[in-house]
Every structure is written in C-alpha cells, then in structure tokens.
C-alpha cells in the first residue's frame, strides 16, 4: 500500500515537472 502511494506520488511529481517545463518553454520562462 505504501509502495503504491509512493509510486503515485513520483508519477504525479514527474508529470507536474514535465507540465511546468512545457509551460516555461511555451511562455518563455514564467519564473
């Protein structure tokens, strides 16, 4: 159960990082 939760957290984290990276590239860098 804990391993599954950890896997989901990592999956969501990587998806969020990729989403932020694509937005930064599209918007010319938000930060």
Protein backbone atom coordinates (compact mmCIF):
# COMPACT_ATOMS: atom_id res chain seq x y z
CA UNK A 1 0.00 0.00 0.00
CA UNK A 2 2.75 2.42 0.97
CA UNK A 3 4.78 1.48 -2.10
CA UNK A 4 1.77 2.13 -4.31
CA UNK A 5 1.27 5.55 -2.71
CA UNK A 6 4.95 6.36 -3.23
CA UNK A 7 4.73 5.30 -6.89
CA UNK A 8 1.68 7.53 -7.43
CA UNK A 9 3.47 10.48 -5.80
CA UNK A 10 6.51 10.02 -8.04
CA UNK A 11 4.31 9.67 -11.13
CA UNK A 12 2.38 12.84 -10.34
CA UNK A 13 5.61 14.68 -9.49
CA UNK A 14 7.21 13.78 -12.81
CA UNK A 15 4.05 14.73 -14.69
CA UNK A 16 3.97 18.08 -12.88
CA UNK A 17 7.63 18.75 -13.67
CA UNK A 18 7.10 17.97 -17.35
CA UNK A 19 3.98 20.15 -17.42
CA UNK A 20 5.80 23.07 -15.80
CA UNK A 21 8.75 22.63 -18.17
CA UNK A 22 6.47 22.69 -21.23
CA UNK A 23 4.68 25.79 -19.92
CA UNK A 24 8.02 27.51 -19.24
CA UNK A 25 9.23 26.73 -22.76
CA UNK A 26 5.96 27.90 -24.29
CA UNK A 27 5.72 31.08 -22.22
CA UNK A 28 9.41 31.93 -22.42
CA UNK A 29 10.03 31.15 -18.74
CA UNK A 30 7.42 32.05 -16.14
CA UNK A 31 9.84 32.11 -13.17
